Amino acid sequence: MIPDLRSASRRNLLLGAGAGLLLAGCGPKDKPKADDKPPPAASKIDTIEKAVAGPWRLPADRARDVWRHPVETLTFWGLQPGMTVVEFWPGAGWYTDILAPFLDATKGKLYVANLEPTDPQVAEVVEAYKRKLSDNRKVYGDVEVTAFGPTSGPVAPAGSADMVLFLRNLHNWMAAGIADKAFKDAFAALKPGGVLGVVEHRGVPGAVQDPLAADGYVQQDYAVQLAKEAGFLLVAESEINANPKDDRKHPFGVWTLPPTRLSAPRGQPPQEGFDHSKYDAIGESDRMTLKLVKPK
């Protein structure tokens, strides 16, 4: 059984994860140029490839496709037109920019289980995300924003989702003591036979797992065990998002690497003169990519 941590600092850990989510989840946000082409009609965004190529995606986000492999990853999980999908903790919306237009164009549905807004700083993050969607409804369609956190309710109607996605957030939920709840909430939202897709920073195989994942890395076996305890079955794993250059030996955890590029412990001012070159040469983290299903 995976231990369930009940520490007094749980709430602070959750808020810390929430406050840094925009930086940790996405690279620098370039403003669209005035001469950018208008987005295509929704009816044309009928493949994952077209959604990934969408001109509404910011240059800094597109630059990360080489590390995040959105077409290959979503294809591996089996994303299809017309599906109902739940995305947990979207950050600034890196994957939302792909999922929402595709699902809207193919008559599907996207639920986004964002941070539970129990703190003003976290509420501000959630409101910024909602504004992003409402300001360009022609591209994103009708995305339904729900919540996931320590006291949140269902992330989507029970048994309604074809797919749920955990996109590099499991370490945050471990730090906050709500990883088990994330898997249970995902299980409840999925239809029998529905898919849970997981991408997560992968720890050194065979090492002892820190239950709080303080360095941002999670053992693949540990992640699978968490999923199995919630009732999921592992059906496939992929090296799509692997990076063999990542030795996990970084002074400020996974956040030393791009795109976050910390030069001091989280929450502290940047260290002047810090040499990023070694870590920039590694690139983004080594990641597991898992496909799990809710049994029929």
Protein backbone atom coordinates (compact mmCIF):
# COMPACT_ATOMS: atom_id res chain seq x y z
CA MET A 1 0.00 0.00 0.00
CA ILE A 2 1.32 3.47 -0.90
CA PRO A 3 1.55 5.55 2.30
CA ASP A 4 -1.00 8.36 2.65
CA LEU A 5 0.82 11.39 4.06
CA ARG A 6 -1.14 13.49 6.58
CA SER A 7 1.20 16.35 7.43
CA ALA A 8 0.37 19.84 8.68
CA SER A 9 2.23 21.31 5.72
CA ARG A 10 -0.01 19.63 3.12
CA ARG A 11 -1.97 22.79 2.37
CA ASN A 12 1.19 24.86 1.96
CA LEU A 13 2.66 22.27 -0.39
CA LEU A 14 -0.48 22.37 -2.52
CA LEU A 15 -0.51 26.16 -2.68
CA GLY A 16 3.17 26.21 -3.54
CA ALA A 17 2.57 23.81 -6.39
CA GLY A 18 -0.32 25.93 -7.59
CA ALA A 19 1.57 29.20 -7.47
CA GLY A 20 4.41 27.77 -9.54
CA LEU A 21 2.27 25.81 -11.96
CA LEU A 22 2.28 28.38 -14.74
CA LEU A 23 6.08 28.54 -14.71
CA ALA A 24 6.64 24.83 -14.23
CA GLY A 25 4.09 23.78 -16.83
CA CYS A 26 4.90 26.20 -19.62
CA GLY A 27 7.76 28.11 -21.09
CA PRO A 28 7.94 31.89 -21.51
CA LYS A 29 4.79 33.31 -23.04
CA ASP A 30 5.42 35.31 -26.21
CA LYS A 31 2.65 37.64 -27.27
CA PRO A 32 1.14 36.83 -30.69
CA LYS A 33 2.30 39.20 -33.40
CA ALA A 34 -0.17 41.57 -34.97
CA ASP A 35 0.32 39.97 -38.37
CA ASP A 36 -0.34 36.43 -37.14
CA LYS A 37 -2.83 34.61 -39.34
CA PRO A 38 -6.34 34.24 -37.94
CA PRO A 39 -7.23 30.77 -36.66
CA PRO A 40 -8.83 28.41 -39.18
CA ALA A 41 -12.50 27.62 -38.99
CA ALA A 42 -13.24 25.06 -36.28
CA SER A 43 -14.57 22.62 -38.87
CA LYS A 44 -11.03 22.30 -40.29
CA ILE A 45 -9.35 21.32 -37.01
CA ASP A 46 -10.33 17.69 -37.41
CA THR A 47 -7.01 15.97 -36.70
CA ILE A 48 -4.49 16.12 -33.87
CA GLU A 49 -1.85 17.26 -36.36
CA LYS A 50 -3.96 20.26 -37.41
CA ALA A 51 -4.60 21.21 -33.80
CA VAL A 52 -0.86 21.04 -33.01
CA ALA A 53 -0.15 23.20 -36.09
CA GLY A 54 -2.76 25.78 -35.04
CA PRO A 55 -1.54 29.41 -35.36
CA TRP A 56 -3.10 30.31 -31.98
CA ARG A 57 -0.32 28.36 -30.25
CA LEU A 58 2.46 30.64 -29.04
CA PRO A 59 6.01 30.31 -30.44
CA ALA A 60 7.42 29.36 -27.02
CA ASP A 61 4.88 26.53 -26.76
CA ARG A 62 5.58 25.28 -30.27
CA ALA A 63 9.30 25.21 -29.48
CA ARG A 64 8.61 22.61 -26.79
CA ASP A 65 6.93 20.14 -29.16
CA VAL A 66 10.35 18.52 -29.67
CA TRP A 67 10.31 17.59 -25.95
CA ARG A 68 6.61 17.00 -25.33
CA HIS A 69 5.71 15.22 -28.61
CA PRO A 70 1.98 16.05 -28.51
CA VAL A 71 0.97 14.27 -31.73
CA GLU A 72 2.77 11.05 -30.84
CA THR A 73 1.67 11.14 -27.20
CA LEU A 74 -2.03 11.74 -27.88
CA THR A 75 -1.97 9.13 -30.65
CA PHE A 76 -0.38 6.61 -28.26
CA TRP A 77 -3.21 7.15 -25.79
CA GLY A 78 -5.78 6.73 -28.55
CA LEU A 79 -7.37 10.19 -28.70
CA GLN A 80 -10.20 10.11 -31.24
CA PRO A 81 -12.61 12.69 -32.68
CA GLY A 82 -15.73 13.25 -30.58
CA MET A 83 -14.28 11.95 -27.30
CA THR A 84 -15.01 13.36 -23.86
CA VAL A 85 -11.68 14.19 -22.19
CA VAL A 86 -10.71 15.45 -18.74
CA GLU A 87 -7.43 17.36 -18.38
CA PHE A 88 -6.17 17.76 -14.80
CA TRP A 89 -4.32 20.95 -13.74
CA PRO A 90 -3.68 22.59 -17.12
CA GLY A 91 -1.26 25.34 -16.04
CA ALA A 92 -1.44 28.10 -18.65
CA GLY A 93 -3.00 25.68 -21.13
CA TRP A 94 -0.15 24.17 -23.14
CA TYR A 95 -2.15 21.01 -23.87
CA THR A 96 -5.51 22.78 -23.74
CA ASP A 97 -4.43 24.72 -26.85
CA ILE A 98 -4.38 21.38 -28.68
CA LEU A 99 -7.17 19.44 -27.01
CA ALA A 100 -9.89 22.09 -26.91
CA PRO A 101 -9.87 23.07 -30.62
CA PHE A 102 -9.68 19.43 -31.72
CA LEU A 103 -12.51 18.28 -29.48
CA ASP A 104 -14.68 21.29 -30.28
CA ALA A 105 -14.24 20.75 -34.02
CA THR A 106 -15.09 17.05 -33.79
CA LYS A 107 -18.11 17.47 -31.49
CA GLY A 108 -16.30 16.15 -28.45
CA LYS A 109 -16.12 17.65 -24.96
CA LEU A 110 -13.26 18.89 -22.78
CA TYR A 111 -13.49 19.14 -19.01
CA VAL A 112 -10.57 20.83 -17.27
CA ALA A 113 -10.07 20.05 -13.58
CA ASN A 114 -8.11 23.14 -12.60
CA LEU A 115 -6.66 24.07 -9.22
CA GLU A 116 -9.15 24.23 -6.38
CA PRO A 117 -9.32 28.04 -5.80
CA THR A 118 -9.12 28.10 -2.01
CA ASP A 119 -6.43 30.81 -1.91
CA PRO A 120 -6.38 34.26 -3.63
CA GLN A 121 -3.13 33.53 -5.45
CA VAL A 122 -4.40 30.21 -6.77
CA ALA A 123 -7.77 31.77 -7.66
CA GLU A 124 -5.89 34.31 -9.78
CA VAL A 125 -4.22 31.50 -11.74
CA VAL A 126 -7.60 29.85 -12.37
CA GLU A 127 -9.23 33.13 -13.44
CA ALA A 128 -6.39 33.85 -15.89
CA TYR A 129 -6.93 30.45 -17.46
CA LYS A 130 -10.69 31.03 -17.74
CA ARG A 131 -10.09 34.40 -19.41
CA LYS A 132 -7.83 32.72 -21.94
CA LEU A 133 -10.69 30.43 -22.92
CA SER A 134 -13.47 33.02 -22.92
CA ASP A 135 -11.41 35.54 -24.93
CA ASN A 136 -11.13 33.12 -27.84
CA ARG A 137 -14.20 30.91 -27.72
CA LYS A 138 -14.08 30.48 -31.51
CA VAL A 139 -10.90 28.44 -31.10
CA TYR A 140 -11.52 26.70 -27.77
CA GLY A 141 -15.25 26.12 -27.90
CA ASP A 142 -17.18 25.35 -24.74
CA VAL A 143 -14.60 24.04 -22.27
CA GLU A 144 -16.08 23.19 -18.88
CA VAL A 145 -13.77 24.16 -16.01
CA THR A 146 -14.16 22.12 -12.83
CA ALA A 147 -11.70 21.74 -9.94
CA PHE A 148 -9.34 19.24 -8.40
CA GLY A 149 -7.88 19.62 -4.93
CA PRO A 150 -8.06 18.29 -1.37
CA THR A 151 -11.80 18.98 -0.95
CA SER A 152 -13.02 19.10 -4.56
CA GLY A 153 -15.97 17.11 -5.86
CA PRO A 154 -16.26 15.23 -9.17
CA VAL A 155 -14.02 16.47 -11.98
CA ALA A 156 -16.67 15.43 -14.54
CA PRO A 157 -19.97 13.52 -14.43
CA ALA A 158 -19.42 9.96 -13.23
CA GLY A 159 -18.68 7.50 -16.02
CA SER A 160 -18.76 10.18 -18.73
CA ALA A 161 -15.14 10.44 -19.90
CA ASP A 162 -13.38 8.45 -22.60
CA MET A 163 -9.99 9.75 -21.51
CA VAL A 164 -8.39 11.47 -18.51
CA LEU A 165 -4.95 13.08 -18.71
CA PHE A 166 -2.33 13.57 -15.98
CA LEU A 167 0.30 15.77 -17.62
CA ARG A 168 3.40 16.15 -15.40
CA ASN A 169 1.50 16.85 -12.19
CA LEU A 170 1.76 13.64 -10.19
CA HIS A 171 4.77 14.99 -8.26
CA ASN A 172 2.71 18.04 -7.22
CA TRP A 173 -0.10 15.84 -5.93
CA MET A 174 2.35 13.63 -4.04
CA ALA A 175 3.80 16.75 -2.38
CA ALA A 176 0.28 17.83 -1.39
CA GLY A 177 -0.80 14.37 -0.23
CA ILE A 178 -3.60 14.10 -2.81
CA ALA A 179 -2.13 11.71 -5.39
CA ASP A 180 -4.46 8.90 -4.31
CA LYS A 181 -7.43 11.25 -4.67
CA ALA A 182 -6.34 12.19 -8.20
CA PHE A 183 -6.41 8.57 -9.32
CA LYS A 184 -9.73 7.91 -7.58
CA ASP A 185 -11.34 11.00 -9.11
CA ALA A 186 -10.05 10.02 -12.55
CA PHE A 187 -11.38 6.48 -12.13
CA ALA A 188 -14.82 7.80 -11.16
CA ALA A 189 -14.98 10.12 -14.20
CA LEU A 190 -14.03 7.46 -16.74
CA LYS A 191 -16.34 5.10 -18.59
CA PRO A 192 -15.51 1.40 -18.27
CA GLY A 193 -12.74 0.86 -20.78
CA GLY A 194 -11.74 4.53 -20.61
CA VAL A 195 -8.07 5.54 -20.76
CA LEU A 196 -5.92 7.33 -18.21
CA GLY A 197 -2.88 8.89 -19.88
CA VAL A 198 0.07 9.78 -17.65
CA VAL A 199 3.24 11.72 -18.41
CA GLU A 200 5.57 12.31 -15.46
CA HIS A 201 9.21 13.13 -14.70
CA ARG A 202 10.77 9.69 -14.25
CA GLY A 203 12.98 8.89 -11.29
CA VAL A 204 16.03 6.61 -11.37
CA PRO A 205 14.79 3.02 -11.75
CA GLY A 206 15.20 1.00 -8.57
CA ALA A 207 15.82 3.98 -6.30
CA VAL A 208 13.81 4.58 -3.13
CA GLN A 209 10.86 6.85 -3.84
CA ASP A 210 10.55 10.04 -1.82
CA PRO A 211 6.80 10.05 -1.01
CA LEU A 212 6.78 13.85 -1.37
CA ALA A 213 8.71 13.79 -4.68
CA ALA A 214 10.68 16.82 -3.47
CA ASP A 215 12.96 16.80 -6.54
CA GLY A 216 10.00 16.48 -8.93
CA TYR A 217 10.84 12.92 -10.01
CA VAL A 218 8.58 9.88 -9.57
CA GLN A 219 9.49 6.21 -9.86
CA GLN A 220 7.61 4.60 -12.72
CA ASP A 221 6.78 1.53 -10.62
CA TYR A 222 5.48 3.80 -7.86
CA ALA A 223 3.19 5.65 -10.28
CA VAL A 224 1.85 2.37 -11.64
CA GLN A 225 1.22 1.08 -8.12
CA LEU A 226 -0.77 4.22 -7.25
CA ALA A 227 -2.88 3.66 -10.36
CA LYS A 228 -3.44 -0.02 -9.61
CA GLU A 229 -4.57 0.76 -6.06
CA ALA A 230 -7.27 2.97 -7.57
CA GLY A 231 -8.42 0.13 -9.83
CA PHE A 232 -6.56 0.85 -13.09
CA LEU A 233 -4.80 -1.65 -15.32
CA LEU A 234 -1.53 -0.78 -17.09
CA VAL A 235 -1.91 -1.67 -20.77
CA ALA A 236 1.07 0.06 -22.39
CA GLU A 237 4.11 2.22 -21.73
CA SER A 238 6.12 4.28 -24.17
CA GLU A 239 9.50 5.98 -24.47
CA ILE A 240 8.04 8.80 -26.59
CA ASN A 241 8.99 11.37 -23.96
CA ALA A 242 12.21 9.77 -22.73
CA ASN A 243 15.46 11.73 -22.47
CA PRO A 244 18.50 9.53 -21.71
CA LYS A 245 20.65 12.63 -21.12
CA ASP A 246 18.75 13.40 -17.92
CA ASP A 247 20.78 11.97 -15.02
CA ARG A 248 18.44 13.55 -12.39
CA LYS A 249 21.46 15.06 -10.62
CA HIS A 250 20.38 18.68 -10.53
CA PRO A 251 20.86 21.15 -7.64
CA PHE A 252 17.27 22.41 -7.70
CA GLY A 253 15.49 19.25 -8.76
CA VAL A 254 13.84 18.82 -12.12
CA TRP A 255 13.15 22.55 -12.17
CA THR A 256 16.86 23.19 -12.84
CA LEU A 257 16.22 21.99 -16.38
CA PRO A 258 14.34 23.85 -19.08
CA PRO A 259 11.77 25.27 -19.29
CA THR A 260 11.79 26.46 -15.65
CA ARG A 261 15.61 26.83 -15.35
CA LEU A 262 15.82 27.51 -11.62
CA SER A 263 19.11 28.89 -10.31
CA ALA A 264 18.08 28.78 -6.64
CA PRO A 265 15.70 26.74 -4.48
CA ARG A 266 12.05 27.24 -5.34
CA GLY A 267 10.67 30.42 -3.82
CA GLN A 268 14.09 32.07 -3.49
CA PRO A 269 15.57 34.84 -5.71
CA PRO A 270 17.62 33.69 -8.73
CA GLN A 271 21.30 33.07 -8.11
CA GLU A 272 23.38 35.64 -9.95
CA GLY A 273 25.91 34.15 -12.34
CA PHE A 274 24.49 30.62 -12.20
CA ASP A 275 25.76 28.58 -15.17
CA HIS A 276 22.75 27.08 -16.94
CA SER A 277 24.73 25.65 -19.87
CA LYS A 278 25.12 22.11 -18.50
CA TYR A 279 21.41 21.80 -17.79
CA ASP A 280 20.29 23.48 -21.00
CA ALA A 281 22.39 20.92 -22.88
CA ILE A 282 20.39 18.13 -21.23
CA GLY A 283 17.09 19.61 -22.35
CA GLU A 284 13.79 18.81 -20.68
CA SER A 285 13.38 15.93 -18.24
CA ASP A 286 13.26 12.20 -18.85
CA ARG A 287 9.58 11.23 -18.70
CA MET A 288 7.49 8.11 -18.44
CA THR A 289 4.43 7.85 -20.67
CA LEU A 290 1.79 5.40 -19.43
CA LYS A 291 -1.53 4.19 -20.80
CA LEU A 292 -3.87 2.76 -18.17
CA VAL A 293 -7.50 1.70 -18.45
CA LYS A 294 -10.53 1.41 -16.23
CA PRO A 295 -11.59 -2.25 -16.52
CA LYS A 296 -14.82 -2.96 -18.37
